[in-house]
Every structure is written in structure tokens, then in C-alpha cells.
C-alpha atoms as a PDB file:
ATOM      1  CA  UNK A   1      -0.199 -21.811   9.020  1.00  0.00           C
ATOM      2  CA  UNK A   2       0.839 -22.220  12.611  1.00  0.00           C
ATOM      3  CA  UNK A   3       2.408 -19.891  15.144  1.00  0.00           C
ATOM      4  CA  UNK A   4       5.641 -21.223  16.676  1.00  0.00           C
ATOM      5  CA  UNK A   5       5.241 -23.576  19.597  1.00  0.00           C
ATOM      6  CA  UNK A   6       7.682 -21.521  21.648  1.00  0.00           C
ATOM      7  CA  UNK A   7       5.582 -18.355  21.445  1.00  0.00           C
ATOM      8  CA  UNK A   8       4.914 -16.474  24.696  1.00  0.00           C
ATOM      9  CA  UNK A   9       1.324 -15.494  25.366  1.00  0.00           C
ATOM     10  CA  UNK A  10       0.612 -12.246  27.189  1.00  0.00           C
ATOM     11  CA  UNK A  11       1.068 -12.677  30.910  1.00  0.00           C
ATOM     12  CA  UNK A  12      -2.045 -13.602  32.842  1.00  0.00           C
ATOM     13  CA  UNK A  13      -1.614 -10.629  35.175  1.00  0.00           C
ATOM     14  CA  UNK A  14      -1.523  -8.062  32.381  1.00  0.00           C
ATOM     15  CA  UNK A  15      -4.482  -6.327  30.790  1.00  0.00           C
ATOM     16  CA  UNK A  16      -6.426  -8.127  28.124  1.00  0.00           C
ATOM     17  CA  UNK A  17      -5.626  -6.713  24.693  1.00  0.00           C
ATOM     18  CA  UNK A  18      -8.212  -6.370  21.929  1.00  0.00           C
ATOM     19  CA  UNK A  19      -6.833  -5.974  18.382  1.00  0.00           C
ATOM     20  CA  UNK A  20      -9.046  -4.113  15.902  1.00  0.00           C
ATOM     21  CA  UNK A  21      -8.512  -3.255  12.218  1.00  0.00           C
ATOM     22  CA  UNK A  22      -8.025   0.243  10.879  1.00  0.00           C
ATOM     23  CA  UNK A  23     -10.229   1.740   8.185  1.00  0.00           C
ATOM     24  CA  UNK A  24     -13.754   0.916   7.019  1.00  0.00           C
ATOM     25  CA  UNK A  25     -14.284  -2.047   9.326  1.00  0.00           C
ATOM     26  CA  UNK A  26     -13.359   0.011  12.368  1.00  0.00           C
ATOM     27  CA  UNK A  27     -16.031   2.549  11.471  1.00  0.00           C
ATOM     28  CA  UNK A  28     -18.605  -0.253  11.373  1.00  0.00           C
ATOM     29  CA  UNK A  29     -17.171  -1.823  14.514  1.00  0.00           C
ATOM     30  CA  UNK A  30     -17.309   1.323  16.678  1.00  0.00           C
ATOM     31  CA  UNK A  31     -21.071   1.160  17.459  1.00  0.00           C
ATOM     32  CA  UNK A  32     -20.740  -2.551  18.258  1.00  0.00           C
ATOM     33  CA  UNK A  33     -17.900  -1.825  20.684  1.00  0.00           C
ATOM     34  CA  UNK A  34     -20.159   0.676  22.430  1.00  0.00           C
ATOM     35  CA  UNK A  35     -22.945  -1.907  22.715  1.00  0.00           C
ATOM     36  CA  UNK A  36     -20.409  -4.310  24.224  1.00  0.00           C
ATOM     37  CA  UNK A  37     -19.566  -1.679  26.835  1.00  0.00           C
ATOM     38  CA  UNK A  38     -16.149  -0.717  25.438  1.00  0.00           C
ATOM     39  CA  UNK A  39     -15.292   2.975  25.315  1.00  0.00           C
ATOM     40  CA  UNK A  40     -11.737   3.677  24.119  1.00  0.00           C
ATOM     41  CA  UNK A  41      -9.960   6.763  25.415  1.00  0.00           C
ATOM     42  CA  UNK A  42     -10.634   9.915  23.303  1.00  0.00           C
ATOM     43  CA  UNK A  43      -7.295   9.693  21.473  1.00  0.00           C
ATOM     44  CA  UNK A  44      -8.482   6.475  19.802  1.00  0.00           C
ATOM     45  CA  UNK A  45     -10.972   8.424  17.659  1.00  0.00           C
ATOM     46  CA  UNK A  46      -8.311  10.875  16.470  1.00  0.00           C
ATOM     47  CA  UNK A  47      -7.202   9.613  13.054  1.00  0.00           C
ATOM     48  CA  UNK A  48      -4.152  11.864  13.241  1.00  0.00           C
ATOM     49  CA  UNK A  49      -2.951  10.241  16.456  1.00  0.00           C
ATOM     50  CA  UNK A  50      -0.044   7.918  15.697  1.00  0.00           C
ATOM     51  CA  UNK A  51      -0.339   5.854  18.866  1.00  0.00           C
ATOM     52  CA  UNK A  52      -1.434   2.265  18.315  1.00  0.00           C
ATOM     53  CA  UNK A  53      -2.344   1.173  21.862  1.00  0.00           C
ATOM     54  CA  UNK A  54      -5.096   2.816  23.886  1.00  0.00           C
ATOM     55  CA  UNK A  55      -6.775   2.449  27.252  1.00  0.00           C
ATOM     56  CA  UNK A  56     -10.524   1.849  27.548  1.00  0.00           C
ATOM     57  CA  UNK A  57     -13.141   2.538  30.188  1.00  0.00           C
ATOM     58  CA  UNK A  58     -12.471  -1.002  31.454  1.00  0.00           C
ATOM     59  CA  UNK A  59      -9.240  -0.910  33.513  1.00  0.00           C
ATOM     60  CA  UNK A  60      -8.514  -4.517  32.530  1.00  0.00           C
ATOM     61  CA  UNK A  61      -8.801  -4.017  28.751  1.00  0.00           C
ATOM     62  CA  UNK A  62      -6.559  -2.176  26.292  1.00  0.00           C
ATOM     63  CA  UNK A  63      -7.196  -1.841  22.582  1.00  0.00           C
ATOM     64  CA  UNK A  64      -4.673  -1.838  19.711  1.00  0.00           C
ATOM     65  CA  UNK A  65      -5.319  -0.530  16.194  1.00  0.00           C
ATOM     66  CA  UNK A  66      -3.465  -2.417  13.430  1.00  0.00           C
ATOM     67  CA  UNK A  67      -3.812  -3.325   9.752  1.00  0.00           C
ATOM     68  CA  UNK A  68      -6.687  -5.691   9.039  1.00  0.00           C
ATOM     69  CA  UNK A  69      -4.345  -8.425   7.773  1.00  0.00           C
ATOM     70  CA  UNK A  70      -2.287  -8.202  10.975  1.00  0.00           C
ATOM     71  CA  UNK A  71      -5.092  -8.668  13.517  1.00  0.00           C
ATOM     72  CA  UNK A  72      -5.137 -12.444  13.131  1.00  0.00           C
ATOM     73  CA  UNK A  73      -1.348 -12.630  13.492  1.00  0.00           C
ATOM     74  CA  UNK A  74      -1.302 -10.546  16.679  1.00  0.00           C
ATOM     75  CA  UNK A  75      -3.932 -12.809  18.233  1.00  0.00           C
ATOM     76  CA  UNK A  76      -2.559 -16.124  16.934  1.00  0.00           C
ATOM     77  CA  UNK A  77       0.939 -15.368  18.219  1.00  0.00           C
ATOM     78  CA  UNK A  78      -0.351 -14.284  21.630  1.00  0.00           C
ATOM     79  CA  UNK A  79       0.468 -10.575  21.396  1.00  0.00           C
ATOM     80  CA  UNK A  80      -3.258  -9.865  21.789  1.00  0.00           C
ATOM     81  CA  UNK A  81      -5.898 -11.976  23.498  1.00  0.00           C
ATOM     82  CA  UNK A  82      -8.823 -11.264  21.196  1.00  0.00           C
ATOM     83  CA  UNK A  83      -9.524  -9.316  18.045  1.00  0.00           C
ATOM     84  CA  UNK A  84     -11.804  -8.603  15.111  1.00  0.00           C
ATOM     85  CA  UNK A  85     -10.895  -9.972  11.684  1.00  0.00           C
ATOM     86  CA  UNK A  86     -12.656 -10.705   8.408  1.00  0.00           C
ATOM     87  CA  UNK A  87     -13.055 -14.346   7.492  1.00  0.00           C
ATOM     88  CA  UNK A  88     -11.041 -13.576   4.341  1.00  0.00           C
ATOM     89  CA  UNK A  89      -8.009 -13.066   6.600  1.00  0.00           C
ATOM     90  CA  UNK A  90      -8.856 -16.150   8.661  1.00  0.00           C
ATOM     91  CA  UNK A  91      -9.179 -18.285   5.519  1.00  0.00           C
ATOM     92  CA  UNK A  92      -5.900 -16.987   4.099  1.00  0.00           C
ATOM     93  CA  UNK A  93      -3.775 -17.647   7.199  1.00  0.00           C
ATOM     94  CA  UNK A  94      -5.737 -20.565   8.700  1.00  0.00           C
ATOM     95  CA  UNK A  95      -4.104 -20.247  12.132  1.00  0.00           C
ATOM     96  CA  UNK A  96      -5.072 -23.219  14.351  1.00  0.00           C
ATOM     97  CA  UNK A  97      -4.380 -21.055  17.416  1.00  0.00           C
ATOM     98  CA  UNK A  98      -7.518 -19.007  16.750  1.00  0.00           C
ATOM     99  CA  UNK A  99     -10.971 -19.683  18.154  1.00  0.00           C
ATOM    100  CA  UNK A 100     -13.748 -17.911  16.231  1.00  0.00           C
ATOM    101  CA  UNK A 101     -16.839 -17.812  18.461  1.00  0.00           C
ATOM    102  CA  UNK A 102     -18.917 -14.934  17.031  1.00  0.00           C
ATOM    103  CA  UNK A 103     -19.871 -13.661  13.580  1.00  0.00           C
ATOM    104  CA  UNK A 104     -20.239  -9.921  14.227  1.00  0.00           C
ATOM    105  CA  UNK A 105     -22.351  -9.397  11.080  1.00  0.00           C
ATOM    106  CA  UNK A 106     -20.348  -6.351   9.955  1.00  0.00           C
ATOM    107  CA  UNK A 107     -17.920  -5.774   7.099  1.00  0.00           C
ATOM    108  CA  UNK A 108     -20.132  -7.498   4.546  1.00  0.00           C
ATOM    109  CA  UNK A 109     -18.499  -8.069   1.163  1.00  0.00           C
ATOM    110  CA  UNK A 110     -17.441 -11.009  -0.997  1.00  0.00           C
ATOM    111  CA  UNK A 111     -14.225 -12.489  -2.293  1.00  0.00           C
ATOM    112  CA  UNK A 112     -14.583 -12.834  -6.033  1.00  0.00           C
ATOM    113  CA  UNK A 113     -12.870 -13.668  -9.292  1.00  0.00           C
ATOM    114  CA  UNK A 114     -13.060 -10.862 -11.849  1.00  0.00           C
ATOM    115  CA  UNK A 115     -11.853 -10.394 -15.405  1.00  0.00           C
ATOM    116  CA  UNK A 116     -12.067  -7.758 -18.179  1.00  0.00           C
ATOM    117  CA  UNK A 117     -15.526  -7.188 -19.602  1.00  0.00           C
ATOM    118  CA  UNK A 118     -14.395  -7.940 -23.159  1.00  0.00           C
ATOM    119  CA  UNK A 119     -13.123 -11.366 -22.049  1.00  0.00           C
ATOM    120  CA  UNK A 120     -16.395 -12.537 -20.500  1.00  0.00           C
ATOM    121  CA  UNK A 121     -18.347 -13.197 -23.688  1.00  0.00           C
ATOM    122  CA  UNK A 122     -15.985 -15.852 -25.031  1.00  0.00           C
ATOM    123  CA  UNK A 123     -14.737 -17.174 -21.691  1.00  0.00           C
ATOM    124  CA  UNK A 124     -15.907 -20.422 -20.104  1.00  0.00           C
ATOM    125  CA  UNK A 125     -14.619 -20.926 -16.531  1.00  0.00           C
ATOM    126  CA  UNK A 126     -15.455 -24.626 -16.793  1.00  0.00           C
ATOM    127  CA  UNK A 127     -12.695 -24.982 -19.397  1.00  0.00           C
ATOM    128  CA  UNK A 128      -9.955 -23.365 -17.340  1.00  0.00           C
ATOM    129  CA  UNK A 129      -6.951 -25.608 -16.625  1.00  0.00           C
ATOM    130  CA  UNK A 130      -4.283 -23.029 -15.798  1.00  0.00           C
ATOM    131  CA  UNK A 131      -4.793 -19.378 -14.971  1.00  0.00           C
ATOM    132  CA  UNK A 132      -2.647 -16.483 -13.792  1.00  0.00           C
ATOM    133  CA  UNK A 133      -4.275 -14.388 -11.069  1.00  0.00           C
ATOM    134  CA  UNK A 134      -3.294 -11.205  -9.226  1.00  0.00           C
ATOM    135  CA  UNK A 135      -4.453 -11.293  -5.625  1.00  0.00           C
ATOM    136  CA  UNK A 136      -3.756 -10.465  -2.001  1.00  0.00           C
ATOM    137  CA  UNK A 137      -5.059 -13.952  -1.171  1.00  0.00           C
ATOM    138  CA  UNK A 138      -2.752 -16.519  -2.831  1.00  0.00           C
ATOM    139  CA  UNK A 139      -3.543 -19.356  -0.403  1.00  0.00           C
ATOM    140  CA  UNK A 140      -7.324 -19.040  -0.718  1.00  0.00           C
ATOM    141  CA  UNK A 141      -7.007 -18.656  -4.485  1.00  0.00           C
ATOM    142  CA  UNK A 142      -4.828 -21.732  -4.950  1.00  0.00           C
ATOM    143  CA  UNK A 143      -7.087 -23.874  -2.741  1.00  0.00           C
ATOM    144  CA  UNK A 144     -10.222 -22.680  -4.497  1.00  0.00           C
ATOM    145  CA  UNK A 145      -8.988 -23.462  -7.984  1.00  0.00           C
ATOM    146  CA  UNK A 146      -7.190 -26.668  -6.977  1.00  0.00           C
ATOM    147  CA  UNK A 147     -10.551 -28.022  -5.780  1.00  0.00           C
ATOM    148  CA  UNK A 148     -11.727 -27.613  -9.388  1.00  0.00           C
ATOM    149  CA  UNK A 149      -8.589 -29.137 -10.866  1.00  0.00           C
ATOM    150  CA  UNK A 150      -7.317 -25.759 -12.055  1.00  0.00           C
ATOM    151  CA  UNK A 151      -3.702 -24.715 -11.502  1.00  0.00           C
ATOM    152  CA  UNK A 152      -3.579 -21.089 -10.348  1.00  0.00           C
ATOM    153  CA  UNK A 153      -0.389 -19.090 -10.752  1.00  0.00           C
ATOM    154  CA  UNK A 154      -0.780 -16.329  -8.163  1.00  0.00           C
ATOM    155  CA  UNK A 155       0.904 -12.944  -8.378  1.00  0.00           C
ATOM    156  CA  UNK A 156       0.850 -11.374  -4.908  1.00  0.00           C
ATOM    157  CA  UNK A 157      -0.253  -7.745  -4.844  1.00  0.00           C
ATOM    158  CA  UNK A 158      -1.276  -5.722  -1.812  1.00  0.00           C
ATOM    159  CA  UNK A 159      -3.373  -3.176  -3.675  1.00  0.00           C
ATOM    160  CA  UNK A 160      -4.394  -1.727  -7.051  1.00  0.00           C
ATOM    161  CA  UNK A 161      -5.431  -5.215  -8.155  1.00  0.00           C
ATOM    162  CA  UNK A 162      -7.775  -3.788 -10.770  1.00  0.00           C
ATOM    163  CA  UNK A 163      -4.847  -2.421 -12.791  1.00  0.00           C
ATOM    164  CA  UNK A 164      -3.277  -5.825 -13.345  1.00  0.00           C
ATOM    165  CA  UNK A 165      -5.384  -6.983 -16.345  1.00  0.00           C
ATOM    166  CA  UNK A 166      -5.189  -3.682 -18.239  1.00  0.00           C
ATOM    167  CA  UNK A 167      -1.404  -3.535 -17.823  1.00  0.00           C
ATOM    168  CA  UNK A 168      -0.873  -7.115 -18.981  1.00  0.00           C
ATOM    169  CA  UNK A 169       0.204  -8.561 -15.639  1.00  0.00           C
ATOM    170  CA  UNK A 170      -2.557 -11.167 -15.785  1.00  0.00           C
ATOM    171  CA  UNK A 171      -6.082 -11.603 -17.156  1.00  0.00           C
ATOM    172  CA  UNK A 172      -7.911 -12.217 -13.872  1.00  0.00           C
ATOM    173  CA  UNK A 173      -7.891 -11.017 -10.280  1.00  0.00           C
ATOM    174  CA  UNK A 174      -9.229 -12.284  -6.956  1.00  0.00           C
ATOM    175  CA  UNK A 175     -10.201  -9.494  -4.606  1.00  0.00           C
ATOM    176  CA  UNK A 176     -12.793  -8.258  -2.137  1.00  0.00           C
ATOM    177  CA  UNK A 177     -15.877  -6.738  -3.726  1.00  0.00           C
ATOM    178  CA  UNK A 178     -18.459  -4.609  -1.955  1.00  0.00           C
ATOM    179  CA  UNK A 179     -20.510  -2.433  -4.296  1.00  0.00           C
ATOM    180  CA  UNK A 180     -18.617  -3.462  -7.441  1.00  0.00           C
ATOM    181  CA  UNK A 181     -18.037   0.191  -8.340  1.00  0.00           C
ATOM    182  CA  UNK A 182     -14.238  -0.133  -8.452  1.00  0.00           C
ATOM    183  CA  UNK A 183     -14.466  -3.139 -10.754  1.00  0.00           C
ATOM    184  CA  UNK A 184     -16.870  -1.312 -13.048  1.00  0.00           C
ATOM    185  CA  UNK A 185     -14.658   1.782 -13.132  1.00  0.00           C
ATOM    186  CA  UNK A 186     -11.811  -0.406 -14.365  1.00  0.00           C
ATOM    187  CA  UNK A 187     -13.967  -2.302 -16.877  1.00  0.00           C
ATOM    188  CA  UNK A 188     -13.893  -5.559 -14.899  1.00  0.00           C
ATOM    189  CA  UNK A 189     -16.731  -7.996 -14.217  1.00  0.00           C
ATOM    190  CA  UNK A 190     -17.240 -10.531 -11.442  1.00  0.00           C
ATOM    191  CA  UNK A 191     -17.368 -14.043 -12.862  1.00  0.00           C
ATOM    192  CA  UNK A 192     -17.295 -16.138  -9.684  1.00  0.00           C
ATOM    193  CA  UNK A 193     -17.822 -15.634  -5.946  1.00  0.00           C
ATOM    194  CA  UNK A 194     -15.361 -17.592  -3.813  1.00  0.00           C
ATOM    195  CA  UNK A 195     -16.752 -16.669  -0.375  1.00  0.00           C
ATOM    196  CA  UNK A 196     -19.117 -14.289   1.393  1.00  0.00           C
ATOM    197  CA  UNK A 197     -17.159 -12.242   3.925  1.00  0.00           C
ATOM    198  CA  UNK A 198     -18.047 -10.814   7.341  1.00  0.00           C
ATOM    199  CA  UNK A 199     -15.955  -9.809  10.347  1.00  0.00           C
ATOM    200  CA  UNK A 200     -15.615 -12.227  13.265  1.00  0.00           C
ATOM    201  CA  UNK A 201     -14.533 -12.083  16.891  1.00  0.00           C
ATOM    202  CA  UNK A 202     -11.365 -14.148  17.290  1.00  0.00           C
ATOM    203  CA  UNK A 203      -9.726 -15.374  20.502  1.00  0.00           C
ATOM    204  CA  UNK A 204      -6.321 -16.890  21.244  1.00  0.00           C
ATOM    205  CA  UNK A 205      -6.974 -20.515  22.290  1.00  0.00           C
ATOM    206  CA  UNK A 206      -4.136 -20.639  24.829  1.00  0.00           C
ATOM    207  CA  UNK A 207      -5.329 -17.421  26.482  1.00  0.00           C
ATOM    208  CA  UNK A 208      -8.877 -18.785  26.611  1.00  0.00           C
ATOM    209  CA  UNK A 209      -7.606 -21.717  28.673  1.00  0.00           C
ATOM    210  CA  UNK A 210      -5.669 -19.569  31.145  1.00  0.00           C
ATOM    211  CA  UNK A 211      -8.144 -16.665  31.384  1.00  0.00           C
ATOM    212  CA  UNK A 212     -11.406 -18.439  30.676  1.00  0.00           C
ATOM    213  CA  UNK A 213     -13.651 -16.329  32.906  1.00  0.00           C
ATOM    214  CA  UNK A 214     -12.478 -12.965  31.600  1.00  0.00           C
ATOM    215  CA  UNK A 215     -12.429 -13.928  27.927  1.00  0.00           C
ATOM    216  CA  UNK A 216     -15.651 -15.911  28.208  1.00  0.00           C
ATOM    217  CA  UNK A 217     -17.310 -12.784  29.550  1.00  0.00           C
ATOM    218  CA  UNK A 218     -16.120 -10.712  26.611  1.00  0.00           C
ATOM    219  CA  UNK A 219     -17.265 -13.364  24.144  1.00  0.00           C
ATOM    220  CA  UNK A 220     -20.779 -13.165  25.583  1.00  0.00           C
ATOM    221  CA  UNK A 221     -20.777  -9.369  25.511  1.00  0.00           C
ATOM    222  CA  UNK A 222     -19.726  -9.342  21.855  1.00  0.00           C
ATOM    223  CA  UNK A 223     -22.333 -11.999  21.028  1.00  0.00           C
ATOM    224  CA  UNK A 224     -25.077  -9.933  22.693  1.00  0.00           C
ATOM    225  CA  UNK A 225     -23.858  -6.753  20.960  1.00  0.00           C
ATOM    226  CA  UNK A 226     -23.950  -8.464  17.550  1.00  0.00           C
ATOM    227  CA  UNK A 227     -27.410  -9.899  18.207  1.00  0.00           C
ATOM    228  CA  UNK A 228     -28.681  -6.435  19.209  1.00  0.00           C
ATOM    229  CA  UNK A 229     -27.687  -4.838  15.905  1.00  0.00           C
END
């Protein structure tokens, strides 16, 4: 997927903008930001604060807090210069405008296929030819199964994936799995891992050309912060 050619990148004389995801990944990211020398203004830590853009201790860097799926879009379309996104998001959207220089080694989980426990015993994935799958990742899912010669009919859901099999929407799901507790609570079992997931530093390629020194410096600081973990 490609951002439009006519997109406007953030002006070179404006602050750099770092896009970060809300939720669990942000909690893991916060110590890494500190190691990279980034201290957001106090309001950033207030979960009740409805602002989305915040100053930092660096007068040339602002930080925005958005949904995890939106980080890659903000950076690819030039609304932010750099960001932090899981490689699940990067695989799903596959924006060529993104440069991915650093694996931050946080947000560890896996993208997996799961199905009801009572289906596993008599099921043979090698015999699948057509399957219906509920997922937030239709592009990854289609590509994964197409590589095996399996046609995947994807039903796009943004949450509550684990309910789909029990309510007859489909027999299988593709979703992120961390501990596996949510799958187990809904009587589902992982049957295949599509990809191991971590969060990555991403950079807008056009911005990297026009502001190479500034963004190159931040890339190195994030790399050193990740290595120091």
C-alpha cells in the first residue's frame, strides 16, 4: 500500500514529530524513551488527558499518541517524521515510504492461527484448501495462506476475535497472542504461528532525505537505547 505521491511532508523548519502507540506498548516503550533522552511533558503520563500532541524536553521534538494501527499511517503519509510500530502493522500495510532501522525488542508477541479445541483433534492444516478466518489482519492472512495454496476468506474484525468461532461467524481466527490466556479462556488453541512480533522504530523516507542529520541522530539514540535494555 502506498501513500499518495502528492502528500505533503512536515515542513523542514517545524519540530520533528514522534508518533507512539497507546496502551500496552507505550508502557513498555516509556523506559526506552527515557534511555533515548526523551522526556515528554507531565501531561503525557496522564491517561485522563485527552490531548494527543505533547512537547518534550527537546525543543525540536514533539510526541503524538495515537492508536497502534495508525502510527504507520501517520509516518508514511508524512504527518509524523518517525514512530514506533509493531511489525504486524508494518506487514499489514506494507508502506514503501517507511524505513525501519531499529528493532526495539519490546512488544513481544506472535501472530497466530487459532481454532476451537474440539476441532484440533480431527483437523489437518495440510489439507486446507479454503478457509474462513476472522482477523484484524486480512492482508497478512491472505498472503500467508496463498503461499500455501489455500484460499482465505477474511472477515475483518477490530476486536473480540475470540468470539467468532463460538458464535458461528467462522471456525478460525488470526490474531496476536502473548500469553495465550485469552485463547484458553475462550476454548481456542494455537495451531500455527504466522510471525513473531516486536515493535520497531520507523522513519519517513522523504523526511530522512531532507532532515538526515536530525533523524539520523535520533535513529542512533534509539538504537543505543534498545541495545542498553
